[in-house]
N, C-alpha and C. Protein backbone atom coordinates (compact mmCIF):
# COMPACT_ATOMS: atom_id res chain seq x y z
N UNK A 1 0.82 -1.19 0.00
CA UNK A 1 0.00 0.00 0.00
C UNK A 1 0.87 1.26 0.00
N UNK A 2 1.97 1.22 0.76
CA UNK A 2 2.88 2.36 0.81
C UNK A 2 3.50 2.66 -0.55
N UNK A 3 3.84 1.61 -1.27
CA UNK A 3 4.41 1.79 -2.61
C UNK A 3 3.41 2.44 -3.55
N UNK A 4 2.17 2.06 -3.42
CA UNK A 4 1.12 2.61 -4.26
C UNK A 4 0.93 4.11 -3.99
N UNK A 5 0.89 4.47 -2.72
CA UNK A 5 0.74 5.87 -2.35
C UNK A 5 1.96 6.67 -2.77
N UNK A 6 3.14 6.14 -2.56
CA UNK A 6 4.38 6.82 -2.97
C UNK A 6 4.45 7.00 -4.47
N UNK A 7 4.08 5.96 -5.20
CA UNK A 7 4.10 6.05 -6.66
C UNK A 7 3.07 7.04 -7.17
N UNK A 8 1.88 7.05 -6.58
CA UNK A 8 0.84 7.98 -7.00
C UNK A 8 1.23 9.42 -6.70
N UNK A 9 1.87 9.63 -5.55
CA UNK A 9 2.28 11.00 -5.23
C UNK A 9 3.39 11.47 -6.17
N UNK A 10 4.29 10.58 -6.56
CA UNK A 10 5.34 10.95 -7.52
C UNK A 10 4.74 11.31 -8.87
N UNK A 11 3.79 10.52 -9.31
CA UNK A 11 3.13 10.80 -10.60
C UNK A 11 2.36 12.11 -10.52
N UNK A 12 1.65 12.32 -9.42
CA UNK A 12 0.90 13.57 -9.24
C UNK A 12 1.81 14.79 -9.22
N UNK A 13 2.92 14.68 -8.53
CA UNK A 13 3.88 15.79 -8.47
C UNK A 13 4.46 16.07 -9.86
N UNK A 14 4.82 15.03 -10.57
CA UNK A 14 5.36 15.22 -11.92
C UNK A 14 4.32 15.86 -12.84
N UNK A 15 3.08 15.45 -12.72
CA UNK A 15 2.02 16.01 -13.57
C UNK A 15 1.82 17.49 -13.26
N UNK A 16 1.75 17.85 -11.97
CA UNK A 16 1.57 19.26 -11.60
C UNK A 16 2.76 20.10 -12.05
N UNK A 17 3.96 19.57 -11.90
CA UNK A 17 5.17 20.29 -12.32
C UNK A 17 5.16 20.52 -13.83
N UNK A 18 4.83 19.49 -14.58
CA UNK A 18 4.78 19.60 -16.04
C UNK A 18 3.72 20.62 -16.46
N UNK A 19 2.58 20.57 -15.80
CA UNK A 19 1.50 21.50 -16.13
C UNK A 19 1.92 22.95 -15.85
N UNK A 20 2.57 23.18 -14.72
CA UNK A 20 3.03 24.52 -14.38
C UNK A 20 4.09 25.00 -15.38
N UNK A 21 5.00 24.13 -15.76
CA UNK A 21 6.03 24.50 -16.73
C UNK A 21 5.41 24.81 -18.09
N UNK A 22 4.44 24.02 -18.51
CA UNK A 22 3.79 24.26 -19.79
C UNK A 22 3.06 25.59 -19.78
N UNK A 23 2.39 25.90 -18.68
CA UNK A 23 1.69 27.17 -18.57
C UNK A 23 2.68 28.33 -18.62
N UNK A 24 3.81 28.20 -17.95
CA UNK A 24 4.82 29.25 -17.96
C UNK A 24 5.41 29.43 -19.35
N UNK A 25 5.67 28.34 -20.05
CA UNK A 25 6.18 28.42 -21.42
C UNK A 25 5.19 29.11 -22.33
N UNK A 26 3.92 28.83 -22.17
CA UNK A 26 2.88 29.48 -22.97
C UNK A 26 2.84 30.98 -22.70
N UNK A 27 2.92 31.36 -21.44
CA UNK A 27 2.94 32.78 -21.07
C UNK A 27 4.17 33.48 -21.64
N UNK A 28 5.33 32.83 -21.55
CA UNK A 28 6.56 33.41 -22.08
C UNK A 28 6.48 33.57 -23.60
N UNK A 29 5.93 32.57 -24.26
CA UNK A 29 5.77 32.64 -25.71
C UNK A 29 4.85 33.79 -26.11
N UNK A 30 3.75 33.94 -25.39
CA UNK A 30 2.81 35.03 -25.66
C UNK A 30 3.47 36.38 -25.43
N UNK A 31 4.25 36.48 -24.37
CA UNK A 31 4.96 37.73 -24.07
C UNK A 31 5.95 38.07 -25.18
N UNK A 32 6.72 37.10 -25.64
CA UNK A 32 7.68 37.34 -26.73
C UNK A 32 6.97 37.77 -28.01
N UNK A 33 5.82 37.15 -28.29
CA UNK A 33 5.06 37.49 -29.50
C UNK A 33 4.56 38.93 -29.42
N UNK A 34 4.03 39.32 -28.28
CA UNK A 34 3.54 40.70 -28.12
C UNK A 34 4.69 41.70 -28.18
N UNK A 35 5.82 41.38 -27.56
CA UNK A 35 6.97 42.27 -27.62
C UNK A 35 7.44 42.46 -29.06
N UNK A 36 7.40 41.40 -29.86
CA UNK A 36 7.80 41.50 -31.26
C UNK A 36 6.86 42.42 -32.03
N UNK A 37 5.56 42.31 -31.79
CA UNK A 37 4.59 43.18 -32.46
C UNK A 37 4.81 44.63 -32.05
N UNK A 38 5.03 44.88 -30.74
CA UNK A 38 5.27 46.24 -30.27
C UNK A 38 6.53 46.82 -30.91
N UNK A 39 7.56 45.99 -31.01
CA UNK A 39 8.81 46.44 -31.63
C UNK A 39 8.59 46.82 -33.08
N UNK A 40 7.88 45.98 -33.82
CA UNK A 40 7.60 46.28 -35.23
C UNK A 40 6.80 47.57 -35.35
N UNK A 41 5.84 47.77 -34.46
CA UNK A 41 5.01 48.98 -34.48
C UNK A 41 5.87 50.22 -34.24
N UNK A 42 6.73 50.17 -33.24
CA UNK A 42 7.59 51.32 -32.92
C UNK A 42 8.55 51.61 -34.06
N UNK A 43 9.14 50.59 -34.63
CA UNK A 43 10.08 50.78 -35.75
C UNK A 43 9.37 51.41 -36.95
N UNK A 44 8.21 50.89 -37.28
CA UNK A 44 7.47 51.41 -38.45
C UNK A 44 7.01 52.85 -38.22
N UNK A 45 6.51 53.14 -37.03
CA UNK A 45 6.08 54.52 -36.74
C UNK A 45 7.26 55.48 -36.75
N UNK A 46 8.39 55.04 -36.23
CA UNK A 46 9.60 55.88 -36.24
C UNK A 46 10.05 56.16 -37.67
N UNK A 47 10.02 55.12 -38.49
CA UNK A 47 10.41 55.29 -39.90
C UNK A 47 9.50 56.28 -40.60
N UNK A 48 8.20 56.17 -40.36
CA UNK A 48 7.26 57.09 -41.00
C UNK A 48 7.40 58.51 -40.47
N UNK A 49 7.70 58.64 -39.19
CA UNK A 49 7.89 59.97 -38.62
C UNK A 49 9.09 60.66 -39.26
N UNK A 50 10.19 59.97 -39.37
CA UNK A 50 11.39 60.54 -40.00
C UNK A 50 11.09 60.89 -41.46
N UNK A 51 10.39 60.02 -42.15
CA UNK A 51 10.04 60.26 -43.55
C UNK A 51 9.12 61.49 -43.66
N UNK A 52 8.23 61.66 -42.70
CA UNK A 52 7.29 62.79 -42.74
C UNK A 52 7.98 64.13 -42.53
N UNK A 53 9.14 64.13 -41.91
CA UNK A 53 9.87 65.38 -41.71
C UNK A 53 10.36 65.97 -43.03
N UNK A 54 10.62 65.11 -44.00
CA UNK A 54 11.14 65.56 -45.29
C UNK A 54 10.13 65.52 -46.42
N UNK A 55 9.12 64.65 -46.32
CA UNK A 55 8.21 64.44 -47.44
C UNK A 55 6.75 64.53 -47.00
N UNK A 56 5.90 65.11 -47.85
CA UNK A 56 4.46 65.07 -47.54
C UNK A 56 3.93 63.66 -47.80
N UNK A 57 2.79 63.37 -47.23
CA UNK A 57 2.19 62.05 -47.42
C UNK A 57 1.46 62.04 -48.76
N UNK A 58 2.14 61.57 -49.78
CA UNK A 58 1.55 61.49 -51.11
C UNK A 58 0.78 60.19 -51.31
N UNK A 59 1.19 59.17 -50.59
CA UNK A 59 0.59 57.85 -50.77
C UNK A 59 0.08 57.34 -49.43
N UNK A 60 -1.23 57.44 -49.17
CA UNK A 60 -1.76 56.96 -47.90
C UNK A 60 -1.53 55.46 -47.66
N UNK A 61 -1.26 54.72 -48.70
CA UNK A 61 -0.98 53.29 -48.54
C UNK A 61 0.30 53.06 -47.74
N UNK A 62 1.12 54.10 -47.60
CA UNK A 62 2.34 53.99 -46.79
C UNK A 62 1.99 53.73 -45.32
N UNK A 63 0.79 54.08 -44.92
CA UNK A 63 0.36 53.88 -43.53
C UNK A 63 -0.25 52.50 -43.30
N UNK A 64 -0.38 51.73 -44.35
CA UNK A 64 -1.02 50.43 -44.26
C UNK A 64 -0.35 49.51 -43.23
N UNK A 65 0.98 49.48 -43.23
CA UNK A 65 1.70 48.61 -42.30
C UNK A 65 1.44 49.01 -40.85
N UNK A 66 1.35 50.31 -40.58
CA UNK A 66 1.08 50.77 -39.21
C UNK A 66 -0.32 50.33 -38.78
N UNK A 67 -1.29 50.49 -39.65
CA UNK A 67 -2.66 50.06 -39.31
C UNK A 67 -2.73 48.56 -39.12
N UNK A 68 -2.00 47.81 -39.91
CA UNK A 68 -1.98 46.35 -39.76
C UNK A 68 -1.37 45.96 -38.42
N UNK A 69 -0.28 46.61 -38.05
CA UNK A 69 0.35 46.32 -36.77
C UNK A 69 -0.55 46.73 -35.60
N UNK A 70 -1.21 47.86 -35.75
CA UNK A 70 -2.12 48.32 -34.71
C UNK A 70 -3.25 47.31 -34.49
N UNK A 71 -3.76 46.75 -35.56
CA UNK A 71 -4.82 45.76 -35.44
C UNK A 71 -4.31 44.46 -34.82
N UNK A 72 -3.07 44.09 -35.12
CA UNK A 72 -2.48 42.91 -34.48
C UNK A 72 -2.32 43.15 -32.98
N UNK A 73 -1.96 44.39 -32.61
CA UNK A 73 -1.86 44.73 -31.19
C UNK A 73 -3.23 44.64 -30.53
N UNK A 74 -4.25 45.12 -31.20
CA UNK A 74 -5.61 45.04 -30.65
C UNK A 74 -6.04 43.61 -30.39
N UNK A 75 -5.63 42.69 -31.25
CA UNK A 75 -6.02 41.30 -31.10
C UNK A 75 -5.39 40.61 -29.89
N UNK A 76 -4.17 41.04 -29.54
CA UNK A 76 -3.44 40.29 -28.52
C UNK A 76 -3.17 41.05 -27.23
N UNK A 77 -3.63 42.28 -27.12
CA UNK A 77 -3.27 43.08 -25.96
C UNK A 77 -4.47 43.44 -25.10
N UNK A 78 -4.16 43.93 -23.93
CA UNK A 78 -5.20 44.36 -23.01
C UNK A 78 -5.84 45.65 -23.48
N UNK A 79 -6.98 45.99 -22.89
CA UNK A 79 -7.69 47.21 -23.25
C UNK A 79 -6.83 48.46 -23.01
N UNK A 80 -6.04 48.45 -21.94
CA UNK A 80 -5.19 49.59 -21.62
C UNK A 80 -4.13 49.84 -22.71
N UNK A 81 -3.55 48.78 -23.21
CA UNK A 81 -2.54 48.90 -24.27
C UNK A 81 -3.19 49.39 -25.55
N UNK A 82 -4.36 48.89 -25.87
CA UNK A 82 -5.06 49.30 -27.08
C UNK A 82 -5.39 50.79 -27.01
N UNK A 83 -5.80 51.28 -25.87
CA UNK A 83 -6.12 52.71 -25.74
C UNK A 83 -4.89 53.57 -25.97
N UNK A 84 -3.73 53.13 -25.57
CA UNK A 84 -2.49 53.90 -25.75
C UNK A 84 -2.12 53.98 -27.23
N UNK A 85 -2.41 52.95 -28.00
CA UNK A 85 -2.01 52.93 -29.41
C UNK A 85 -2.98 53.68 -30.31
N UNK A 86 -4.08 54.14 -29.77
CA UNK A 86 -5.06 54.85 -30.62
C UNK A 86 -4.74 56.31 -30.73
């Protein structure tokens, strides 16, 4: 009986540990993905800002990438982050 309880507790501990690690990996992956989107958004907005200092906006399609990134941010971010990007 002791072996059964010991074995079951080892299996239970391993299962809980694996579940916690998987959850942490998922959170880390999501964080990296959001950071990548934010980085792309900042880079693109910076590029357009520098370009706007020298050139008028002749082609509104140049803003397409910024709007696409903003929508990707809306899909994966909290309401507070979305409000800041508007």
